[in-house]
Amino acid sequence: MTAPAAFEAIAGYSQRFGEQAGYLNFASYGPPSSDVVAVSDALLGRAFAGAPGASEGLHAEDLRARAAFARLSGFGIDGVTIVPNTSTGLFQVAFGLPEGKVLVGRGEFPANLYPWWRSAEAGRAEPAFLDGQVTPEAVRAALTPEVVALSVSAVDFKTGFRADLGGLRDAIGPERLLIVDGIQGFGAIDQDWTAADVLVVGGQKWLRAGWGAGALALSDRALNRLQPLLGGWTGVTDPAVYDGSEHAVRGDALRFSLTNLSPFASGMLAAALELLEAAGPARVAGAIAQRVELLLDALARSAVEVLSPGEPERRAGIVVAGVPHGAAAEAVSRLTAAGITVTRHGDDRIRLSPHATTPAEALLTASSILGGLS
């Protein structure tokens, strides 16, 4: 099996990254760019120097990150705030819903389950579980008057199934909230994210921003409906006036701020978002799709069962390969020996997730190794 013609190059993009060629694990975390590393070093250096105004300058990185995420997501900047991670954003939303049922897929990643279990324990919104893929048809069949929202991953972490956000929006109607965990999709696919009322992402995977910062975007409908129950001292008016009294909450998405965030993480997120913006989200998504297409073709040629969706509109950057039952550990061992990094799911599944910087040879090597398992 030989490599195809060279993938389309995105000018100046690939040169910003230096991960090993066999890294096929972006659904776990994405090695950051040189831009992200440089910003981290610069901000740490500013903090190290402790010059006058350093603190104010460092925390200005929050606004930089908010502005970049607003541009890329399509939400207004007043509807965007920075959060430490996806889980924090989902907890803010779960406790912001005062009551009602929230439809949630039973197979969701735990980050999209525990917020709803905990909110139910607190006497607020309760989960109502859906089995199987979260499709518009399944959602319509599960709707009852008590349902106030649907919470779904844009891309399923285990199967790679890409949700039809526009169809889900239509299925639940204008009065219910569509809450989207976008961590496996934002930066990997190019689509209209404003179908969601709530979009939560973390920076460490497809955005390649490192850990410690993500973003929460809210529609006007969500801003009006969600209560900032977990909002803290930085989510109110005049937060720097320390008068011992409770201040009024802000009118924008910053009302969900709990405290000051790490300016280093915010700056890294801003740098990653700005690099994606400069490269072009559609071009990056297209380059990922090109590699997924090659990987699927190579797996088919190697007679490897594919357990993730084959339809282009239902997939993103995740490809799940089936291996003989009990052979997953051996598969990972062989792949690792060849310099290929993947994720093992159980005893019979291997998750591969290439990015726009992944060379064709790594995909062909991985497919050949998986095809050689007995």
Protein backbone atom coordinates (compact mmCIF):
# COMPACT_ATOMS: atom_id res chain seq x y z
CA MET A 1 0.00 0.00 0.00
CA THR A 2 1.48 3.36 -0.97
CA ALA A 3 0.77 6.88 0.21
CA PRO A 4 -1.54 8.99 -1.94
CA ALA A 5 -0.64 12.33 -3.45
CA ALA A 6 0.42 14.87 -0.85
CA PHE A 7 -2.32 16.27 1.31
CA GLU A 8 -3.29 19.88 0.74
CA ALA A 9 -0.90 22.10 2.66
CA ILE A 10 -2.20 24.93 4.81
CA ALA A 11 0.39 27.65 4.44
CA GLY A 12 2.27 28.30 7.65
CA TYR A 13 0.08 25.98 9.72
CA SER A 14 1.85 22.63 9.89
CA GLN A 15 5.17 24.33 10.61
CA ARG A 16 3.74 25.50 13.95
CA PHE A 17 3.53 21.95 15.31
CA GLY A 18 6.12 19.36 16.25
CA GLU A 19 4.36 16.22 17.50
CA GLN A 20 5.67 12.82 16.46
CA ALA A 21 4.44 11.66 13.06
CA GLY A 22 2.55 8.71 14.53
CA TYR A 23 0.45 10.74 16.95
CA LEU A 24 -3.17 9.68 16.22
CA ASN A 25 -4.75 10.62 19.55
CA PHE A 26 -6.17 14.12 19.18
CA ALA A 27 -9.49 13.00 20.66
CA SER A 28 -7.53 12.54 23.89
CA TYR A 29 -5.38 15.66 23.75
CA GLY A 30 -3.79 17.70 20.99
CA PRO A 31 -0.11 18.65 21.28
CA PRO A 32 -0.04 22.47 21.19
CA SER A 33 1.56 24.73 18.62
CA SER A 34 4.73 26.76 18.94
CA ASP A 35 2.48 29.83 19.16
CA VAL A 36 0.82 28.43 22.29
CA VAL A 37 4.16 27.55 23.86
CA ALA A 38 5.56 31.01 23.06
CA VAL A 39 2.58 32.78 24.61
CA SER A 40 2.83 30.63 27.73
CA ASP A 41 6.54 31.43 28.07
CA ALA A 42 5.95 35.15 27.52
CA LEU A 43 3.15 35.38 30.06
CA LEU A 44 5.10 33.41 32.65
CA GLY A 45 8.05 35.72 32.03
CA ARG A 46 5.84 38.75 32.61
CA ALA A 47 4.58 37.25 35.86
CA PHE A 48 8.16 36.38 36.86
CA ALA A 49 9.28 39.99 36.38
CA GLY A 50 6.44 41.39 38.47
CA ALA A 51 6.56 44.80 36.81
CA PRO A 52 3.92 47.47 37.56
CA GLY A 53 0.64 46.64 35.83
CA ALA A 54 1.64 43.00 35.23
CA SER A 55 -1.50 41.57 36.81
CA GLU A 56 -3.86 43.74 34.77
CA GLY A 57 -1.99 42.91 31.60
CA LEU A 58 -2.04 39.20 32.30
CA HIS A 59 -5.76 39.07 32.96
CA ALA A 60 -6.44 40.93 29.69
CA GLU A 61 -5.82 37.54 28.05
CA ASP A 62 -9.36 36.55 29.08
CA LEU A 63 -10.83 39.19 26.78
CA ARG A 64 -8.50 38.16 23.96
CA ALA A 65 -9.67 34.54 24.26
CA ARG A 66 -13.34 35.54 24.53
CA ALA A 67 -13.11 37.68 21.41
CA ALA A 68 -11.45 34.93 19.37
CA PHE A 69 -13.98 32.33 20.47
CA ALA A 70 -16.87 34.67 19.69
CA ARG A 71 -15.57 35.17 16.15
CA LEU A 72 -15.07 31.45 15.54
CA SER A 73 -18.31 30.24 17.15
CA GLY A 74 -20.64 32.91 15.79
CA PHE A 75 -21.90 33.95 19.24
CA GLY A 76 -21.77 37.56 20.37
CA ILE A 77 -18.96 38.39 22.76
CA ASP A 78 -21.49 39.28 25.49
CA GLY A 79 -22.61 35.66 25.31
CA VAL A 80 -19.11 34.23 25.75
CA THR A 81 -17.09 33.59 28.89
CA ILE A 82 -13.95 31.58 29.59
CA VAL A 83 -14.18 28.50 31.79
CA PRO A 84 -11.41 26.24 33.09
CA ASN A 85 -12.75 23.19 31.25
CA THR A 86 -15.84 21.62 29.72
CA SER A 87 -16.98 20.07 32.99
CA THR A 88 -17.10 23.43 34.77
CA GLY A 89 -19.18 24.94 31.99
CA LEU A 90 -21.64 22.05 32.04
CA PHE A 91 -21.99 22.26 35.82
CA GLN A 92 -22.76 25.98 35.51
CA VAL A 93 -25.48 25.19 33.00
CA ALA A 94 -26.90 22.21 34.91
CA PHE A 95 -27.28 24.19 38.13
CA GLY A 96 -28.57 27.16 36.15
CA LEU A 97 -31.69 25.27 35.11
CA PRO A 98 -34.14 25.54 38.02
CA GLU A 99 -36.34 22.54 37.19
CA GLY A 100 -37.58 20.16 34.51
CA LYS A 101 -36.21 17.18 32.63
CA VAL A 102 -33.08 17.26 30.45
CA LEU A 103 -32.70 14.64 27.73
CA VAL A 104 -29.19 13.13 27.83
CA GLY A 105 -27.71 10.18 25.96
CA ARG A 106 -26.88 7.33 28.32
CA GLY A 107 -23.63 6.73 26.45
CA GLU A 108 -22.33 10.26 26.91
CA PHE A 109 -18.87 10.92 28.31
CA PRO A 110 -19.10 11.25 32.13
CA ALA A 111 -18.51 15.01 31.93
CA ASN A 112 -21.99 15.29 30.43
CA LEU A 113 -23.60 12.98 32.99
CA TYR A 114 -22.41 14.02 36.44
CA PRO A 115 -23.64 17.63 36.17
CA TRP A 116 -27.18 16.36 35.67
CA TRP A 117 -26.96 13.75 38.40
CA ARG A 118 -25.67 16.39 40.80
CA SER A 119 -28.28 18.97 39.80
CA ALA A 120 -31.01 16.39 40.43
CA GLU A 121 -29.55 15.69 43.89
CA ALA A 122 -29.76 19.43 44.55
CA GLY A 123 -33.44 19.50 43.62
CA ARG A 124 -32.97 21.20 40.27
CA ALA A 125 -33.13 19.84 36.69
CA GLU A 126 -33.14 16.04 36.33
CA PRO A 127 -31.77 13.84 33.54
CA ALA A 128 -34.02 11.72 31.35
CA PHE A 129 -31.85 9.23 29.48
CA LEU A 130 -31.90 8.27 25.82
CA ASP A 131 -30.49 4.93 24.69
CA GLY A 132 -28.58 4.65 21.43
CA GLN A 133 -27.58 7.49 19.15
CA VAL A 134 -29.06 10.90 19.86
CA THR A 135 -30.90 11.58 16.62
CA PRO A 136 -33.76 13.99 15.87
CA GLU A 137 -36.12 11.00 15.58
CA ALA A 138 -35.09 9.59 18.97
CA VAL A 139 -35.45 12.99 20.59
CA ARG A 140 -38.91 13.61 19.16
CA ALA A 141 -40.06 10.24 20.46
CA ALA A 142 -38.80 11.09 23.96
CA LEU A 143 -40.22 14.60 24.28
CA THR A 144 -42.71 15.25 27.07
CA PRO A 145 -44.03 18.52 28.49
CA GLU A 146 -41.52 18.22 31.37
CA VAL A 147 -38.50 18.32 29.03
CA VAL A 148 -36.82 21.73 29.11
CA ALA A 149 -33.54 20.94 27.38
CA LEU A 150 -31.44 18.46 25.42
CA SER A 151 -27.77 17.99 26.32
CA VAL A 152 -25.64 16.28 23.67
CA SER A 153 -22.06 15.93 22.47
CA ALA A 154 -21.41 17.38 19.03
CA VAL A 155 -19.24 14.31 18.39
CA ASP A 156 -19.47 11.16 20.48
CA PHE A 157 -16.16 10.31 22.15
CA LYS A 158 -16.58 6.53 21.80
CA THR A 159 -18.17 6.04 18.39
CA GLY A 160 -17.23 9.23 16.53
CA PHE A 161 -20.92 9.81 15.71
CA ARG A 162 -21.53 13.44 14.75
CA ALA A 163 -24.81 14.86 15.97
CA ASP A 164 -27.17 16.65 13.61
CA LEU A 165 -27.33 19.89 15.56
CA GLY A 166 -29.68 21.60 13.11
CA GLY A 167 -32.02 18.60 13.14
CA LEU A 168 -31.90 18.42 16.94
CA ARG A 169 -32.68 22.14 17.12
CA ASP A 170 -35.77 21.60 14.99
CA ALA A 171 -36.77 18.50 16.97
CA ILE A 172 -36.88 20.20 20.38
CA GLY A 173 -38.46 23.41 19.12
CA PRO A 174 -37.73 27.02 20.07
CA GLU A 175 -38.78 26.81 23.72
CA ARG A 176 -36.28 24.18 24.85
CA LEU A 177 -32.55 24.70 25.24
CA LEU A 178 -30.04 22.82 23.10
CA ILE A 179 -26.91 22.28 25.21
CA VAL A 180 -23.87 21.11 23.24
CA ASP A 181 -20.63 19.66 24.56
CA GLY A 182 -18.40 20.67 21.66
CA ILE A 183 -15.01 19.42 22.86
CA GLN A 184 -14.75 16.63 20.24
CA GLY A 185 -16.03 18.82 17.42
CA PHE A 186 -14.93 22.43 17.76
CA GLY A 187 -11.75 22.81 15.73
CA ALA A 188 -12.29 19.48 13.96
CA ILE A 189 -15.45 20.23 11.95
CA ASP A 190 -16.71 23.41 10.32
CA GLN A 191 -20.38 24.05 10.93
CA ASP A 192 -22.93 26.55 12.24
CA TRP A 193 -22.56 26.31 16.01
CA THR A 194 -25.32 28.85 16.68
CA ALA A 195 -27.93 26.10 16.38
CA ALA A 196 -26.99 25.55 20.04
CA ASP A 197 -28.23 27.67 22.93
CA VAL A 198 -25.23 26.56 24.97
CA LEU A 199 -21.85 25.58 23.53
CA VAL A 200 -19.12 24.39 25.90
CA VAL A 201 -15.61 23.45 24.79
CA GLY A 202 -12.24 22.69 26.34
CA GLY A 203 -9.01 23.75 24.71
CA GLN A 204 -6.89 20.64 25.18
CA LYS A 205 -8.10 18.45 22.32
CA TRP A 206 -8.75 19.59 18.73
CA LEU A 207 -8.01 23.24 19.53
CA ARG A 208 -4.51 22.24 20.68
CA ALA A 209 -4.40 24.89 23.40
CA GLY A 210 -3.19 22.80 26.33
CA TRP A 211 -5.09 22.33 29.57
CA GLY A 212 -6.71 24.87 31.85
CA ALA A 213 -9.04 26.92 29.65
CA GLY A 214 -12.14 26.46 27.54
CA ALA A 215 -15.13 28.55 26.58
CA LEU A 216 -18.85 28.74 27.31
CA ALA A 217 -21.11 30.44 24.75
CA LEU A 218 -24.76 31.24 25.42
CA SER A 219 -27.63 32.41 23.23
CA ASP A 220 -29.86 35.24 24.40
CA ARG A 221 -32.48 32.61 25.25
CA ALA A 222 -30.02 30.76 27.46
CA LEU A 223 -28.83 33.97 29.12
CA ASN A 224 -32.41 34.85 29.98
CA ARG A 225 -33.29 31.40 31.30
CA LEU A 226 -30.20 30.15 33.15
CA GLN A 227 -29.56 31.32 36.69
CA PRO A 228 -25.94 31.97 37.77
CA LEU A 229 -26.33 29.79 40.84
CA LEU A 230 -22.63 28.90 40.81
CA GLY A 231 -21.47 32.38 39.87
CA GLY A 232 -18.88 33.92 42.17
CA TRP A 233 -17.40 37.27 43.07
CA THR A 234 -16.10 37.95 39.55
CA GLY A 235 -19.55 37.46 38.05
CA VAL A 236 -21.09 40.56 39.57
CA THR A 237 -21.02 44.31 39.02
CA ASP A 238 -18.13 46.21 40.62
CA PRO A 239 -16.26 43.05 41.68
CA ALA A 240 -13.27 45.06 42.90
CA VAL A 241 -15.40 47.01 45.39
CA TYR A 242 -14.89 45.01 48.58
CA ASP A 243 -17.68 46.44 50.72
CA GLY A 244 -18.99 43.24 52.30
CA SER A 245 -22.32 43.41 50.47
CA GLU A 246 -23.76 41.20 47.76
CA HIS A 247 -23.53 42.88 44.37
CA ALA A 248 -25.94 42.53 41.45
CA VAL A 249 -25.04 39.87 38.90
CA ARG A 250 -23.77 40.94 35.52
CA GLY A 251 -26.10 40.96 32.53
CA ASP A 252 -23.77 39.09 30.17
CA ALA A 253 -22.22 35.62 30.14
CA LEU A 254 -19.58 36.73 32.65
CA ARG A 255 -22.24 36.27 35.33
CA PHE A 256 -21.17 32.61 35.33
CA SER A 257 -17.61 33.52 36.30
CA LEU A 258 -16.61 32.00 39.62
CA THR A 259 -13.22 33.63 40.18
CA ASN A 260 -10.20 34.86 38.24
CA LEU A 261 -8.83 32.25 35.86
CA SER A 262 -5.25 31.43 34.96
CA PRO A 263 -4.06 34.13 32.55
CA PHE A 264 -1.51 31.67 31.22
CA ALA A 265 -4.20 29.18 30.22
CA SER A 266 -6.40 31.96 28.80
CA GLY A 267 -3.50 33.28 26.73
CA MET A 268 -2.72 29.80 25.43
CA LEU A 269 -6.36 29.34 24.44
CA ALA A 270 -6.36 32.72 22.69
CA ALA A 271 -3.22 31.83 20.73
CA ALA A 272 -4.69 28.49 19.65
CA LEU A 273 -7.98 30.06 18.56
CA GLU A 274 -6.19 32.81 16.63
CA LEU A 275 -4.03 30.25 14.83
CA LEU A 276 -7.13 28.27 13.84
CA GLU A 277 -8.76 31.48 12.66
CA ALA A 278 -5.72 32.46 10.59
CA ALA A 279 -5.46 29.01 8.99
CA GLY A 280 -9.19 28.94 8.30
CA PRO A 281 -11.53 26.62 10.23
CA ALA A 282 -12.96 25.20 7.00
CA ARG A 283 -9.49 24.41 5.64
CA VAL A 284 -8.38 22.75 8.88
CA ALA A 285 -11.61 20.74 9.03
CA GLY A 286 -11.16 19.79 5.39
CA ALA A 287 -7.61 18.59 6.03
CA ILE A 288 -8.82 16.45 8.94
CA ALA A 289 -11.63 15.02 6.80
CA GLN A 290 -9.10 14.19 4.08
CA ARG A 291 -7.04 12.16 6.53
CA VAL A 292 -10.10 10.41 7.94
CA GLU A 293 -11.10 9.44 4.41
CA LEU A 294 -7.65 7.97 3.75
CA LEU A 295 -7.71 6.13 7.08
CA LEU A 296 -11.13 4.62 6.38
CA ASP A 297 -10.00 3.50 2.94
CA ALA A 298 -6.78 2.01 4.34
CA LEU A 299 -8.65 0.13 7.07
CA ALA A 300 -11.06 -1.28 4.49
CA ARG A 301 -8.14 -2.47 2.35
CA SER A 302 -6.65 -4.13 5.43
CA ALA A 303 -9.98 -5.86 6.16
CA VAL A 304 -10.34 -4.03 9.50
CA GLU A 305 -13.88 -3.55 10.79
CA VAL A 306 -14.81 0.11 11.24
CA LEU A 307 -17.23 0.81 14.08
CA SER A 308 -17.62 4.56 13.52
CA PRO A 309 -19.93 6.23 10.98
CA GLY A 310 -18.94 6.10 7.34
CA GLU A 311 -21.20 8.87 6.05
CA PRO A 312 -19.23 12.15 5.73
CA GLU A 313 -22.01 14.18 7.35
CA ARG A 314 -22.10 11.88 10.40
CA ARG A 315 -18.38 11.76 11.17
CA ALA A 316 -15.69 14.14 12.37
CA GLY A 317 -12.10 13.32 13.34
CA ILE A 318 -12.65 10.06 15.24
CA VAL A 319 -12.31 6.63 13.62
CA VAL A 320 -13.01 3.52 15.68
CA ALA A 321 -11.44 0.27 14.51
CA GLY A 322 -12.70 -3.09 15.70
CA VAL A 323 -10.13 -5.76 16.52
CA PRO A 324 -10.62 -9.42 17.49
CA HIS A 325 -12.03 -9.71 21.00
CA GLY A 326 -9.24 -9.58 23.53
CA ALA A 327 -6.69 -8.28 21.01
CA ALA A 328 -6.87 -4.58 21.87
CA ALA A 329 -3.92 -4.72 24.27
CA GLU A 330 -1.77 -6.46 21.67
CA ALA A 331 -2.87 -3.91 19.07
CA VAL A 332 -1.78 -1.00 21.25
CA SER A 333 1.53 -2.73 21.97
CA ARG A 334 2.26 -3.21 18.26
CA LEU A 335 1.17 0.31 17.39
CA THR A 336 3.28 1.80 20.18
CA ALA A 337 6.31 -0.14 19.01
CA ALA A 338 5.83 1.44 15.58
CA GLY A 339 5.58 4.93 17.09
CA ILE A 340 1.79 5.17 16.74
CA THR A 341 -0.24 6.69 19.61
CA VAL A 342 -3.93 5.74 19.90
CA THR A 343 -6.57 5.12 22.57
CA ARG A 344 -7.77 1.67 23.57
CA HIS A 345 -11.47 1.29 24.39
CA GLY A 346 -12.18 -2.03 26.06
CA ASP A 347 -10.90 -5.33 24.68
CA ASP A 348 -11.96 -4.94 21.07
CA ARG A 349 -11.82 -1.30 20.00
CA ILE A 350 -9.06 1.10 19.04
CA ARG A 351 -9.81 4.81 18.63
CA LEU A 352 -7.71 6.70 16.08
CA SER A 353 -7.99 10.45 15.67
CA PRO A 354 -5.74 12.27 13.17
CA HIS A 355 -5.39 16.03 12.76
CA ALA A 356 -4.51 18.31 9.87
CA THR A 357 -0.82 17.76 10.59
CA THR A 358 -0.92 13.95 10.45
CA PRO A 359 1.16 12.44 7.62
CA ALA A 360 -0.35 9.82 5.34
CA GLU A 361 2.33 7.29 6.21
CA ALA A 362 1.17 7.12 9.84
CA LEU A 363 -2.37 6.29 8.78
CA LEU A 364 -1.20 3.57 6.41
CA THR A 365 1.13 2.09 9.02
CA ALA A 366 -1.60 1.99 11.66
CA SER A 367 -4.04 0.35 9.24
CA SER A 368 -1.50 -2.28 8.23
CA ILE A 369 -0.73 -3.18 11.85
CA LEU A 370 -4.41 -3.47 12.75
CA GLY A 371 -5.02 -5.60 9.70
CA GLY A 372 -2.27 -7.98 10.76
CA LEU A 373 -3.90 -8.95 14.04
CA SER A 374 -5.09 -12.53 14.24
